[in-house]
Amino acid sequence: MPLGASRLTRDWLPDDPPTAKSVKELRRYIRATLKPAVREFDGLGRANVVAGTSKTFRSLARIAGAAPSDAGPYVKRELNATDLGIWAQRISAMKAEDRLHLPGVSEARAHQLLAGALVAEAALELFKFKKLRICPWALREGLILRRLDQLVFDGPLEPAPHITPPQAAGVAAIQ
């Protein structure tokens, strides 16, 4: 889904702080974009765990009272919908430079924090969850960890069907 915090900030929140109108329009866009995806989950049963996997979500959880990163990656961190709603409202009235004074907010995340909060808020509401668990790793790290698990437990992947093995291509193998 095209709901990255940086993209949404650039496209929908040009003012600092953003106008109430732009925040309202962005909320409407996020919900309209998410609704079809949410419907695809109908009939699949309820998820056991909802996870947030970005630095923006980690910053939001930290602002809402989660443990700091120096407490280690295995400390349970959650972001409650109620806290998120309160902080989304507060953040929407703040300039990016003022967000830097919030715990866990870096210069790289300060400008896009509101957009991330609005996406998280809409997702929790539409999926009807009261909280999400913060994953200590982002999507990229998760893919790497999954690949390492495959190598350890399943062995190397077979070459893609469109790739010819060196021996079949007439290349001598040196052993």
C-alpha atoms as a PDB file:
ATOM      1  CA  MET A   1       0.000   0.000   0.000  1.00  0.00           C
ATOM      2  CA  PRO A   2       1.351   3.466  -0.802  1.00  0.00           C
ATOM      3  CA  LEU A   3       1.121   4.550   2.829  1.00  0.00           C
ATOM      4  CA  GLY A   4       4.727   5.212   3.772  1.00  0.00           C
ATOM      5  CA  ALA A   5       5.081   8.027   6.286  1.00  0.00           C
ATOM      6  CA  SER A   6       7.626   9.912   4.196  1.00  0.00           C
ATOM      7  CA  ARG A   7       5.507   9.778   1.033  1.00  0.00           C
ATOM      8  CA  LEU A   8       2.327  10.799   2.855  1.00  0.00           C
ATOM      9  CA  THR A   9       4.077  13.704   4.554  1.00  0.00           C
ATOM     10  CA  ARG A  10       5.499  14.933   1.258  1.00  0.00           C
ATOM     11  CA  ASP A  11       2.204  14.580  -0.633  1.00  0.00           C
ATOM     12  CA  TRP A  12      -0.347  15.583   2.023  1.00  0.00           C
ATOM     13  CA  LEU A  13       1.283  17.611   4.785  1.00  0.00           C
ATOM     14  CA  PRO A  14       3.279  20.428   3.146  1.00  0.00           C
ATOM     15  CA  ASP A  15       2.868  22.895   6.040  1.00  0.00           C
ATOM     16  CA  ASP A  16       4.743  22.755   9.331  1.00  0.00           C
ATOM     17  CA  PRO A  17       2.736  22.410  11.474  1.00  0.00           C
ATOM     18  CA  PRO A  18       0.114  20.939   9.149  1.00  0.00           C
ATOM     19  CA  THR A  19      -3.263  22.571   8.744  1.00  0.00           C
ATOM     20  CA  ALA A  20      -6.310  20.915  10.287  1.00  0.00           C
ATOM     21  CA  LYS A  21      -7.738  20.606   6.777  1.00  0.00           C
ATOM     22  CA  SER A  22      -4.694  18.725   5.435  1.00  0.00           C
ATOM     23  CA  VAL A  23      -4.737  16.348   8.424  1.00  0.00           C
ATOM     24  CA  LYS A  24      -8.442  15.669   7.881  1.00  0.00           C
ATOM     25  CA  GLU A  25      -7.913  15.049   4.156  1.00  0.00           C
ATOM     26  CA  LEU A  26      -4.978  12.733   4.848  1.00  0.00           C
ATOM     27  CA  ARG A  27      -7.039  10.766   7.371  1.00  0.00           C
ATOM     28  CA  ARG A  28      -9.759  10.362   4.743  1.00  0.00           C
ATOM     29  CA  TYR A  29      -7.214   9.219   2.115  1.00  0.00           C
ATOM     30  CA  ILE A  30      -5.581   6.692   4.465  1.00  0.00           C
ATOM     31  CA  ARG A  31      -8.928   5.120   5.376  1.00  0.00           C
ATOM     32  CA  ALA A  32     -10.071   5.000   1.751  1.00  0.00           C
ATOM     33  CA  THR A  33      -6.785   3.329   0.782  1.00  0.00           C
ATOM     34  CA  LEU A  34      -6.887   0.816   3.636  1.00  0.00           C
ATOM     35  CA  LYS A  35     -10.551  -0.235   3.408  1.00  0.00           C
ATOM     36  CA  PRO A  36     -10.177  -2.538   0.355  1.00  0.00           C
ATOM     37  CA  ALA A  37      -7.184  -4.261   1.956  1.00  0.00           C
ATOM     38  CA  VAL A  38      -9.064  -4.699   5.227  1.00  0.00           C
ATOM     39  CA  ARG A  39     -11.958  -6.313   3.349  1.00  0.00           C
ATOM     40  CA  GLU A  40      -9.552  -8.894   1.900  1.00  0.00           C
ATOM     41  CA  PHE A  41      -9.031 -10.178   5.452  1.00  0.00           C
ATOM     42  CA  ASP A  42     -12.749 -10.741   6.052  1.00  0.00           C
ATOM     43  CA  GLY A  43     -13.459 -14.409   6.635  1.00  0.00           C
ATOM     44  CA  LEU A  44      -9.858 -15.310   7.475  1.00  0.00           C
ATOM     45  CA  GLY A  45     -10.388 -15.183  11.214  1.00  0.00           C
ATOM     46  CA  ARG A  46      -8.962 -12.811  13.755  1.00  0.00           C
ATOM     47  CA  ALA A  47      -5.209 -12.337  14.006  1.00  0.00           C
ATOM     48  CA  ASN A  48      -3.499 -13.222  17.273  1.00  0.00           C
ATOM     49  CA  VAL A  49      -0.873 -10.484  17.067  1.00  0.00           C
ATOM     50  CA  VAL A  50      -0.649  -7.213  15.178  1.00  0.00           C
ATOM     51  CA  ALA A  51       2.886  -5.905  14.716  1.00  0.00           C
ATOM     52  CA  GLY A  52       4.336  -2.545  13.777  1.00  0.00           C
ATOM     53  CA  THR A  53       7.681  -2.887  12.004  1.00  0.00           C
ATOM     54  CA  SER A  54       9.081   0.560  11.343  1.00  0.00           C
ATOM     55  CA  LYS A  55      11.212   3.128  13.108  1.00  0.00           C
ATOM     56  CA  THR A  56       8.261   5.504  12.969  1.00  0.00           C
ATOM     57  CA  PHE A  57       6.118   3.016  14.917  1.00  0.00           C
ATOM     58  CA  ARG A  58       8.952   2.526  17.422  1.00  0.00           C
ATOM     59  CA  SER A  59       9.122   6.301  17.899  1.00  0.00           C
ATOM     60  CA  LEU A  60       5.363   6.501  18.404  1.00  0.00           C
ATOM     61  CA  ALA A  61       5.467   3.725  20.996  1.00  0.00           C
ATOM     62  CA  ARG A  62       8.341   5.435  22.797  1.00  0.00           C
ATOM     63  CA  ILE A  63       6.420   8.721  22.926  1.00  0.00           C
ATOM     64  CA  ALA A  64       3.470   6.813  24.384  1.00  0.00           C
ATOM     65  CA  GLY A  65       5.622   5.360  27.161  1.00  0.00           C
ATOM     66  CA  ALA A  66       7.295   2.229  25.783  1.00  0.00           C
ATOM     67  CA  ALA A  67      10.776   1.318  26.963  1.00  0.00           C
ATOM     68  CA  PRO A  68      13.705   3.074  25.251  1.00  0.00           C
ATOM     69  CA  SER A  69      15.807   1.209  22.692  1.00  0.00           C
ATOM     70  CA  ASP A  70      18.730   0.906  25.122  1.00  0.00           C
ATOM     71  CA  ALA A  71      16.535  -1.433  27.212  1.00  0.00           C
ATOM     72  CA  GLY A  72      17.235  -4.038  24.516  1.00  0.00           C
ATOM     73  CA  PRO A  73      15.377  -5.531  21.548  1.00  0.00           C
ATOM     74  CA  TYR A  74      13.545  -8.197  23.557  1.00  0.00           C
ATOM     75  CA  VAL A  75      11.667  -5.871  25.903  1.00  0.00           C
ATOM     76  CA  LYS A  76       7.968  -6.051  25.086  1.00  0.00           C
ATOM     77  CA  ARG A  77       6.804  -2.777  23.537  1.00  0.00           C
ATOM     78  CA  GLU A  78       3.226  -2.015  22.573  1.00  0.00           C
ATOM     79  CA  LEU A  79       1.336   0.933  21.170  1.00  0.00           C
ATOM     80  CA  ASN A  80      -2.243   1.322  22.413  1.00  0.00           C
ATOM     81  CA  ALA A  81      -4.865   2.853  20.142  1.00  0.00           C
ATOM     82  CA  THR A  82      -6.031   5.240  22.869  1.00  0.00           C
ATOM     83  CA  ASP A  83      -2.507   6.581  23.469  1.00  0.00           C
ATOM     84  CA  LEU A  84      -1.931   6.770  19.734  1.00  0.00           C
ATOM     85  CA  GLY A  85      -5.062   8.872  19.225  1.00  0.00           C
ATOM     86  CA  ILE A  86      -4.018  11.302  21.947  1.00  0.00           C
ATOM     87  CA  TRP A  87      -0.504  11.635  20.577  1.00  0.00           C
ATOM     88  CA  ALA A  88      -1.663  11.971  16.954  1.00  0.00           C
ATOM     89  CA  GLN A  89      -3.728  14.951  18.051  1.00  0.00           C
ATOM     90  CA  ARG A  90      -0.815  16.487  19.965  1.00  0.00           C
ATOM     91  CA  ILE A  91       1.689  15.870  17.169  1.00  0.00           C
ATOM     92  CA  SER A  92      -0.627  17.439  14.590  1.00  0.00           C
ATOM     93  CA  ALA A  93      -0.309  20.769  16.427  1.00  0.00           C
ATOM     94  CA  MET A  94       3.486  20.601  16.717  1.00  0.00           C
ATOM     95  CA  LYS A  95       6.207  21.760  14.360  1.00  0.00           C
ATOM     96  CA  ALA A  96       8.716  19.121  13.305  1.00  0.00           C
ATOM     97  CA  GLU A  97      11.476  20.849  15.301  1.00  0.00           C
ATOM     98  CA  ASP A  98       9.343  20.590  18.463  1.00  0.00           C
ATOM     99  CA  ARG A  99       8.783  16.867  17.889  1.00  0.00           C
ATOM    100  CA  LEU A 100      12.533  16.381  18.298  1.00  0.00           C
ATOM    101  CA  HIS A 101      12.110  17.011  22.013  1.00  0.00           C
ATOM    102  CA  LEU A 102       9.811  13.991  22.366  1.00  0.00           C
ATOM    103  CA  PRO A 103      11.446  10.791  23.638  1.00  0.00           C
ATOM    104  CA  GLY A 104      12.658   8.466  20.890  1.00  0.00           C
ATOM    105  CA  VAL A 105      12.135  10.891  17.999  1.00  0.00           C
ATOM    106  CA  SER A 106      15.100  11.383  15.691  1.00  0.00           C
ATOM    107  CA  GLU A 107      15.635  14.198  13.245  1.00  0.00           C
ATOM    108  CA  ALA A 108      15.001  11.778  10.383  1.00  0.00           C
ATOM    109  CA  ARG A 109      11.576  10.788  11.798  1.00  0.00           C
ATOM    110  CA  ALA A 110      10.310  14.080  13.251  1.00  0.00           C
ATOM    111  CA  HIS A 111       8.780  15.414  10.036  1.00  0.00           C
ATOM    112  CA  GLN A 112       6.972  12.162   9.151  1.00  0.00           C
ATOM    113  CA  LEU A 113       5.819  11.173  12.625  1.00  0.00           C
ATOM    114  CA  LEU A 114       2.278  12.485  12.196  1.00  0.00           C
ATOM    115  CA  ALA A 115       1.671  10.630   8.935  1.00  0.00           C
ATOM    116  CA  GLY A 116       2.890   7.405  10.546  1.00  0.00           C
ATOM    117  CA  ALA A 117       0.612   7.999  13.522  1.00  0.00           C
ATOM    118  CA  LEU A 118      -2.388   8.519  11.245  1.00  0.00           C
ATOM    119  CA  VAL A 119      -1.676   5.282   9.349  1.00  0.00           C
ATOM    120  CA  ALA A 120      -1.302   3.324  12.587  1.00  0.00           C
ATOM    121  CA  GLU A 121      -4.445   4.886  14.013  1.00  0.00           C
ATOM    122  CA  ALA A 122      -6.507   4.049  10.919  1.00  0.00           C
ATOM    123  CA  ALA A 123      -5.153   0.496  10.680  1.00  0.00           C
ATOM    124  CA  LEU A 124      -5.953  -0.265  14.312  1.00  0.00           C
ATOM    125  CA  GLU A 125      -9.430   1.209  13.946  1.00  0.00           C
ATOM    126  CA  LEU A 126     -10.301  -0.535  10.673  1.00  0.00           C
ATOM    127  CA  PHE A 127      -8.909  -3.897  11.787  1.00  0.00           C
ATOM    128  CA  LYS A 128     -10.613  -3.407  15.185  1.00  0.00           C
ATOM    129  CA  PHE A 129      -7.553  -3.840  17.377  1.00  0.00           C
ATOM    130  CA  LYS A 130      -6.809  -1.940  20.562  1.00  0.00           C
ATOM    131  CA  LYS A 131      -3.018  -2.225  20.361  1.00  0.00           C
ATOM    132  CA  LEU A 132      -0.123  -3.376  18.275  1.00  0.00           C
ATOM    133  CA  ARG A 133       3.153  -4.928  19.282  1.00  0.00           C
ATOM    134  CA  ILE A 134       6.321  -3.155  18.216  1.00  0.00           C
ATOM    135  CA  CYS A 135       8.729  -5.431  16.386  1.00  0.00           C
ATOM    136  CA  PRO A 136      12.374  -4.655  17.202  1.00  0.00           C
ATOM    137  CA  TRP A 137      13.289  -5.120  13.533  1.00  0.00           C
ATOM    138  CA  ALA A 138      11.949  -3.519  10.384  1.00  0.00           C
ATOM    139  CA  LEU A 139      10.715  -5.387   7.317  1.00  0.00           C
ATOM    140  CA  ARG A 140      14.149  -5.510   5.681  1.00  0.00           C
ATOM    141  CA  GLU A 141      15.712  -7.164   8.726  1.00  0.00           C
ATOM    142  CA  GLY A 142      12.801  -9.573   8.910  1.00  0.00           C
ATOM    143  CA  LEU A 143      13.385 -10.691   5.337  1.00  0.00           C
ATOM    144  CA  ILE A 144      17.076 -11.225   6.047  1.00  0.00           C
ATOM    145  CA  LEU A 145      16.315 -13.222   9.203  1.00  0.00           C
ATOM    146  CA  ARG A 146      13.770 -15.335   7.337  1.00  0.00           C
ATOM    147  CA  ARG A 147      16.293 -16.077   4.577  1.00  0.00           C
ATOM    148  CA  LEU A 148      18.905 -17.089   7.150  1.00  0.00           C
ATOM    149  CA  ASP A 149      16.356 -19.454   8.727  1.00  0.00           C
ATOM    150  CA  GLN A 150      15.705 -20.979   5.297  1.00  0.00           C
ATOM    151  CA  LEU A 151      19.407 -21.538   4.729  1.00  0.00           C
ATOM    152  CA  VAL A 152      19.844 -23.191   8.126  1.00  0.00           C
ATOM    153  CA  PHE A 153      16.697 -25.315   8.130  1.00  0.00           C
ATOM    154  CA  ASP A 154      15.801 -25.823   4.459  1.00  0.00           C
ATOM    155  CA  GLY A 155      19.144 -25.523   2.672  1.00  0.00           C
ATOM    156  CA  PRO A 156      19.968 -23.316  -0.282  1.00  0.00           C
ATOM    157  CA  LEU A 157      17.249 -22.267  -2.701  1.00  0.00           C
ATOM    158  CA  GLU A 158      16.998 -23.887  -6.104  1.00  0.00           C
ATOM    159  CA  PRO A 159      17.943 -21.580  -8.968  1.00  0.00           C
ATOM    160  CA  ALA A 160      15.084 -19.781 -10.631  1.00  0.00           C
ATOM    161  CA  PRO A 161      13.681 -21.696 -13.650  1.00  0.00           C
ATOM    162  CA  HIS A 162      14.955 -19.064 -16.106  1.00  0.00           C
ATOM    163  CA  ILE A 163      18.577 -19.467 -14.973  1.00  0.00           C
ATOM    164  CA  THR A 164      20.653 -22.151 -16.671  1.00  0.00           C
ATOM    165  CA  PRO A 165      23.073 -24.036 -14.401  1.00  0.00           C
ATOM    166  CA  PRO A 166      26.753 -23.552 -15.418  1.00  0.00           C
ATOM    167  CA  GLN A 167      27.238 -27.230 -16.448  1.00  0.00           C
ATOM    168  CA  ALA A 168      24.217 -27.167 -18.818  1.00  0.00           C
ATOM    169  CA  ALA A 169      25.462 -23.969 -20.431  1.00  0.00           C
ATOM    170  CA  GLY A 170      28.725 -25.611 -21.512  1.00  0.00           C
ATOM    171  CA  VAL A 171      30.835 -24.055 -18.754  1.00  0.00           C
ATOM    172  CA  ALA A 172      33.391 -26.391 -17.227  1.00  0.00           C
ATOM    173  CA  ALA A 173      33.184 -26.678 -13.485  1.00  0.00           C
ATOM    174  CA  ILE A 174      36.493 -26.728 -11.628  1.00  0.00           C
ATOM    175  CA  GLN A 175      36.515 -28.765  -8.457  1.00  0.00           C
END
